[in-house]
Amino acid sequence: MSAEDLEKYETEMELKLYREYRDVVGLFKYVIETERRFYLTNDYEMQVQSVQGEVFFEVSMADAWVWDMYRPARFVKQVRVLTFKDVNIEELNKADLDLPSDDSGFNS
């Protein structure tokens, strides 16, 4: 497989993932972003933990969708994330979810 073939494959996978995101985002209430993943969920719990002076975050989610183009099944029943990095949690505003129906808003 050439570098060009690999780039084309990854571009197609990203477009497929964007289309899936566009189809499911309206089903969820929260966006949770960690240093490694981007999640959509309706239910989460976050706890700040401290062990021997080290602070980390523990985020648990139920019935989530994960943005990961290499993952064959993006819907997950339970997710538990432990991280020393920032966690960004946003409540989705349903009025802002009017995404374009075509792929014109997708930049790869």
Protein backbone atom coordinates (compact mmCIF):
# COMPACT_ATOMS: atom_id res chain seq x y z
CA MET A 1 0.00 0.00 0.00
CA SER A 2 1.46 3.33 -1.04
CA ALA A 3 1.47 6.46 1.09
CA GLU A 4 -1.12 7.95 -1.24
CA ASP A 5 -3.39 4.90 -0.83
CA LEU A 6 -3.05 5.12 2.94
CA GLU A 7 -3.89 8.83 2.93
CA LYS A 8 -6.95 8.20 0.74
CA TYR A 9 -8.09 5.39 3.04
CA GLU A 10 -7.74 7.58 6.15
CA THR A 11 -9.60 10.44 4.46
CA GLU A 12 -12.46 8.08 3.57
CA MET A 13 -12.55 6.75 7.14
CA GLU A 14 -12.67 10.29 8.57
CA LEU A 15 -15.52 11.21 6.24
CA LYS A 16 -17.42 8.07 7.25
CA LEU A 17 -16.86 8.93 10.92
CA TYR A 18 -18.03 12.51 10.41
CA ARG A 19 -21.21 11.25 8.72
CA GLU A 20 -21.87 8.88 11.63
CA TYR A 21 -21.26 11.71 14.12
CA ARG A 22 -23.69 13.93 12.21
CA ASP A 23 -26.31 11.17 12.39
CA VAL A 24 -25.98 10.48 16.14
CA VAL A 25 -25.06 13.80 17.78
CA GLY A 26 -28.72 14.74 18.28
CA LEU A 27 -29.22 11.67 20.46
CA PHE A 28 -26.84 12.92 23.15
CA LYS A 29 -26.78 15.64 25.81
CA TYR A 30 -23.05 15.99 26.58
CA VAL A 31 -19.74 16.16 24.75
CA ILE A 32 -16.76 14.98 26.78
CA GLU A 33 -13.27 15.55 25.47
CA THR A 34 -10.13 14.04 26.95
CA GLU A 35 -6.56 14.13 25.67
CA ARG A 36 -7.14 10.87 23.77
CA ARG A 37 -10.84 10.67 22.85
CA PHE A 38 -14.02 12.58 22.14
CA TYR A 39 -17.27 11.15 23.54
CA LEU A 40 -20.98 11.81 23.26
CA THR A 41 -23.13 10.69 26.21
CA ASN A 42 -26.32 11.41 28.12
CA ASP A 43 -24.99 10.40 31.51
CA TYR A 44 -21.60 10.87 33.13
CA GLU A 45 -19.94 11.20 36.51
CA MET A 46 -16.61 12.91 37.10
CA GLN A 47 -14.54 12.66 40.25
CA VAL A 48 -11.29 14.39 41.06
CA GLN A 49 -8.95 11.92 42.74
CA SER A 50 -5.71 12.55 44.60
CA VAL A 51 -3.12 9.90 45.40
CA GLN A 52 0.13 10.92 47.09
CA GLY A 53 -0.25 14.50 45.91
CA GLU A 54 -0.97 13.54 42.29
CA VAL A 55 -4.35 14.77 41.06
CA PHE A 56 -6.20 12.93 38.32
CA PHE A 57 -9.71 12.79 36.91
CA GLU A 58 -11.96 9.76 36.76
CA VAL A 59 -14.82 10.08 34.28
CA SER A 60 -17.47 7.37 33.98
CA MET A 61 -20.02 7.34 31.18
CA ALA A 62 -22.93 5.10 30.30
CA ASP A 63 -24.22 4.44 26.78
CA ALA A 64 -21.69 6.60 25.01
CA TRP A 65 -20.49 7.09 21.44
CA VAL A 66 -16.75 7.49 20.91
CA TRP A 67 -15.03 9.37 18.07
CA ASP A 68 -12.39 6.88 16.93
CA MET A 69 -12.08 5.95 13.28
CA TYR A 70 -10.09 2.80 14.05
CA ARG A 71 -12.73 1.38 16.38
CA PRO A 72 -15.21 -0.97 14.66
CA ALA A 73 -17.99 -0.39 17.23
CA ARG A 74 -18.28 3.20 18.42
CA PHE A 75 -21.27 2.73 20.72
CA VAL A 76 -20.12 1.56 24.14
CA LYS A 77 -22.19 0.56 27.16
CA GLN A 78 -19.74 1.69 29.86
CA VAL A 79 -16.65 3.91 29.66
CA ARG A 80 -14.22 4.72 32.44
CA VAL A 81 -11.45 7.21 31.74
CA LEU A 82 -8.57 7.97 34.11
CA THR A 83 -6.44 10.93 33.12
CA PHE A 84 -3.96 13.42 34.52
CA LYS A 85 -4.80 15.81 31.67
CA ASP A 86 -7.69 18.24 31.30
CA VAL A 87 -11.23 17.00 30.73
CA ASN A 88 -13.65 19.25 28.86
CA ILE A 89 -17.37 18.63 29.41
CA GLU A 90 -19.96 20.61 27.50
CA GLU A 91 -23.72 20.37 27.45
CA LEU A 92 -24.97 20.34 23.88
CA ASN A 93 -27.41 23.03 22.85
CA LYS A 94 -29.92 21.31 20.58
CA ALA A 95 -30.39 24.52 18.57
CA ASP A 96 -26.70 24.42 17.61
CA LEU A 97 -26.98 20.92 16.19
CA ASP A 98 -28.23 21.92 12.77
CA LEU A 99 -25.31 20.37 10.93
CA PRO A 100 -25.14 20.49 7.14
CA SER A 101 -26.82 17.50 5.54
CA ASP A 102 -24.07 17.22 2.94
CA ASP A 103 -20.36 16.97 3.58
CA SER A 104 -19.57 20.60 2.74
CA GLY A 105 -18.70 21.35 6.37
CA PHE A 106 -16.18 18.52 6.54
CA ASN A 107 -12.55 19.51 6.20
CA SER A 108 -9.95 16.81 6.05
